[in-house]
Protein backbone atom coordinates (compact mmCIF):
# COMPACT_ATOMS: atom_id res chain seq x y z
CA MET A 1 154.85 93.35 85.62
CA THR A 2 156.54 94.79 82.03
CA PHE A 3 153.64 96.68 79.96
CA ALA A 4 152.69 97.94 76.99
CA LEU A 5 150.66 101.08 76.64
CA TYR A 6 148.64 101.44 73.28
CA ILE A 7 148.63 105.39 72.62
CA THR A 8 145.85 107.04 70.04
CA HIS A 9 146.92 110.16 68.73
CA PRO A 10 145.68 113.04 70.09
CA GLN A 11 143.37 116.03 68.36
CA VAL A 12 145.04 116.61 65.03
CA LYS A 13 144.13 119.42 61.76
CA ILE A 14 141.13 118.46 60.40
CA ASP A 15 141.48 119.86 56.53
CA PRO A 16 138.98 118.30 53.50
CA GLU A 17 141.96 118.92 50.99
CA ILE A 18 144.42 116.29 52.48
CA GLU A 19 143.99 112.86 52.90
CA VAL A 20 143.43 112.00 55.98
CA PRO A 21 146.51 109.79 56.87
CA LEU A 22 148.52 112.58 55.85
CA TRP A 23 147.10 114.78 58.78
CA GLY A 24 149.41 116.54 61.32
CA LEU A 25 148.63 117.54 65.05
CA SER A 26 146.56 120.03 66.45
CA GLU A 27 148.33 122.93 68.55
CA VAL A 28 145.84 120.93 70.88
CA GLY A 29 147.08 118.08 70.53
CA ARG A 30 150.25 118.79 70.60
CA LYS A 31 150.69 120.63 74.03
CA ARG A 32 148.21 118.00 75.23
CA THR A 33 151.49 115.21 74.69
CA GLU A 34 153.86 118.21 75.83
CA GLU A 35 151.66 117.88 78.81
CA ALA A 36 152.40 114.02 78.69
CA VAL A 37 155.90 114.50 78.51
CA ALA A 38 156.15 117.00 81.28
CA LEU A 39 154.75 113.99 83.89
CA GLY A 40 157.72 112.24 82.71
CA TRP A 41 156.38 108.46 82.50
CA PRO A 42 157.57 108.55 78.65
CA LYS A 43 160.89 107.79 80.00
CA GLU A 44 160.51 104.54 82.30
CA ILE A 45 159.67 103.40 77.68
CA GLY A 46 161.82 101.47 75.92
CA ARG A 47 160.92 101.20 72.44
CA PHE A 48 158.26 103.62 70.24
CA ILE A 49 156.37 101.86 67.46
CA SER A 50 154.04 104.43 65.74
CA SER A 51 152.23 103.85 62.70
CA GLU A 52 152.51 105.20 59.89
CA GLU A 53 150.36 107.96 59.15
CA THR A 54 151.45 111.14 60.27
CA LYS A 55 149.68 113.01 63.77
CA ALA A 56 150.61 109.14 65.07
CA ILE A 57 154.19 109.35 63.87
CA GLU A 58 154.58 113.16 65.51
CA THR A 59 153.13 112.46 68.91
CA ALA A 60 155.59 109.14 68.75
CA GLU A 61 158.46 111.43 67.90
CA ILE A 62 157.31 113.69 70.46
CA LEU A 63 157.19 111.07 73.32
CA ALA A 64 160.56 108.75 72.18
CA GLU A 65 162.39 112.24 72.00
CA ALA A 66 161.70 112.32 75.30
CA ALA A 67 163.48 109.11 76.24
CA GLY A 68 166.16 110.27 74.29
CA ILE A 69 165.01 107.15 71.52
CA SER A 70 164.07 106.74 67.60
CA ILE A 71 160.91 105.90 66.77
CA GLU A 72 160.32 102.35 64.49
CA ILE A 73 157.40 102.61 61.81
CA ALA A 74 154.54 99.59 61.18
CA ASP A 75 153.49 100.49 57.95
CA ASP A 76 150.35 97.43 59.31
CA MET A 77 148.88 99.43 61.90
CA HIS A 78 147.61 101.74 60.42
CA GLU A 79 143.85 102.95 60.74
CA ASN A 80 140.94 101.30 59.40
CA ASP A 81 141.03 101.85 55.63
CA ARG A 82 137.89 104.35 55.31
CA SER A 83 139.62 105.77 51.75
CA ALA A 84 136.29 104.51 50.10
CA THR A 85 134.54 106.80 50.91
CA GLY A 86 137.08 109.64 51.76
CA PHE A 87 136.54 112.52 53.88
CA LEU A 88 133.10 112.50 56.16
CA PRO A 89 132.89 115.45 58.31
CA PRO A 90 132.28 115.18 62.28
CA PRO A 91 128.91 114.64 62.02
CA GLU A 92 128.14 111.40 59.18
CA PHE A 93 131.55 110.11 60.37
CA GLU A 94 130.06 109.18 63.94
CA LYS A 95 127.29 107.51 62.86
CA ALA A 96 129.53 105.80 59.72
CA ALA A 97 131.97 104.50 62.88
CA ASP A 98 128.83 103.04 65.28
CA TRP A 99 127.47 101.35 61.93
CA PHE A 100 131.90 100.11 61.82
CA PHE A 101 131.70 98.62 65.72
CA ALA A 102 127.91 97.02 65.52
CA ASN A 103 128.13 95.76 62.34
CA PRO A 104 132.14 94.09 62.53
CA ASN A 105 131.69 91.39 59.51
CA ASP A 106 130.03 94.07 56.74
CA SER A 107 131.67 96.51 54.87
CA PHE A 108 130.53 100.23 55.51
CA LYS A 109 130.33 101.75 52.17
CA GLY A 110 133.55 99.41 51.24
CA TRP A 111 135.29 100.14 54.41
CA GLU A 112 137.90 98.30 55.43
CA ARG A 113 135.53 95.38 58.19
CA ALA A 114 136.14 96.21 61.75
CA ALA A 115 136.30 91.77 62.18
CA ASP A 116 139.80 92.24 59.08
CA ALA A 117 141.56 95.31 61.44
CA GLN A 118 141.39 94.03 64.03
CA ILE A 119 143.25 90.59 62.50
CA ARG A 120 145.60 92.73 61.58
CA ILE A 121 145.84 95.10 64.66
CA VAL A 122 146.15 92.41 66.47
CA ALA A 123 148.38 90.22 64.53
CA ALA A 124 151.30 93.62 63.67
CA VAL A 125 151.20 93.83 67.61
CA GLU A 126 152.25 90.43 68.65
CA LYS A 127 154.41 90.32 65.30
CA ILE A 128 156.83 93.01 67.18
CA LEU A 129 156.39 91.51 71.20
CA ALA A 130 157.58 88.13 69.13
CA ASP A 131 161.12 89.45 69.50
CA HIS A 132 160.92 91.54 72.02
CA ASP A 133 163.21 92.01 74.88
CA PRO A 134 159.85 91.68 77.38
CA THR A 135 161.37 93.33 80.43
CA VAL A 136 161.74 96.59 78.25
CA PRO A 137 157.90 97.97 78.28
CA ILE A 138 157.05 99.68 75.27
CA ALA A 139 154.09 101.92 73.62
CA PHE A 140 152.44 101.49 70.26
CA ILE A 141 151.31 105.21 68.75
CA GLY A 142 147.92 105.13 66.59
CA HIS A 143 144.19 105.11 66.13
CA GLY A 144 141.85 104.93 68.37
CA GLY A 145 139.48 102.70 66.13
CA VAL A 146 141.54 100.11 65.53
CA GLY A 147 143.24 100.82 69.38
CA THR A 148 140.11 99.80 70.60
CA LEU A 149 139.96 96.61 68.13
CA LEU A 150 142.97 96.01 69.81
CA LYS A 151 141.19 96.91 73.06
CA CYS A 152 138.04 94.27 72.59
CA HIS A 153 140.80 91.26 71.33
CA LEU A 154 142.81 91.31 74.28
CA SER A 155 140.05 91.77 77.35
CA GLY A 156 138.24 88.88 75.21
CA THR A 157 135.47 91.07 74.87
CA PRO A 158 132.86 90.96 71.04
CA ILE A 159 133.70 94.11 69.24
CA SER A 160 131.47 97.39 70.32
CA ARG A 161 131.94 100.82 70.70
CA ASP A 162 131.40 101.02 73.87
CA ARG A 163 134.92 100.22 74.27
CA ASP A 164 136.13 103.23 72.89
CA GLN A 165 138.42 105.33 74.13
CA PRO A 166 136.38 108.86 75.31
CA GLY A 167 136.88 112.26 73.76
CA GLY A 168 138.01 111.12 70.45
CA GLY A 169 141.68 110.66 71.20
CA GLY A 170 144.95 111.18 72.99
CA ASN A 171 144.46 108.64 75.42
CA LEU A 172 145.90 105.21 76.47
CA PHE A 173 145.61 102.10 78.11
CA ARG A 174 148.12 99.60 79.62
CA PHE A 175 148.77 95.89 79.05
CA THR A 176 151.00 93.32 80.49
CA LEU A 177 153.43 92.00 77.88
CA ALA A 178 153.77 88.23 79.89
CA ASP A 179 149.99 87.71 79.75
CA ARG A 180 148.60 90.56 77.50
CA ARG A 181 146.23 90.99 80.45
CA ILE A 182 144.70 95.26 80.79
CA SER A 183 146.03 96.75 83.55
CA CYS A 184 143.94 100.42 82.70
CA ASP A 185 141.62 101.71 80.71
CA TRP A 186 141.71 104.58 78.78
CA THR A 187 143.40 107.23 80.21
CA PRO A 188 143.93 110.65 78.53
CA ILE A 189 148.52 110.53 77.72
CA GLU A 190 148.65 113.75 80.24
CA LYS A 191 146.82 112.12 82.82
CA TRP A 192 148.36 109.37 83.77
CA PRO A 193 150.43 109.02 86.20
CA GLY A 194 153.18 106.31 84.70
CA GLU A 195 154.35 103.00 87.37
């Protein structure tokens, strides 16, 4: 059965002086993506759709190059809007993310609400799939927060951080195109064997 992947970008270069959407992959993140390419599964994918943030684009370009195709960019696949608080150091960010998932109908200090981000990412994916050839495997490359919100929607479960990816990035889940059922839970990109 033809499938789709939702892939989260792996580790990034954290720089408080640069806007978060402009952060790129770290050496570790790039190496992990190249290890995923070495497994061969990116060659099975017929389309790569990336959010417009640098780290997602860089991830998508590495994977798509292995398949010999160009990436497409969807401007409504971005991570939940956290610009109201700007950069938060990792311990503070983790607390904020816990709150974000635990209170999906409320805004954390001006952040986009989880409920709204979920509606946006589901609509973005469905809009792309509406015109997509259902016989062609497709990969969406984006971010952990909205990826988790999409996963909650597809699995018919409430928004909850316990559905979040392990390890902070560079994971994927698989769902079937015919019925949108999750058929592989979060797996590190460099460990997924492919079909």
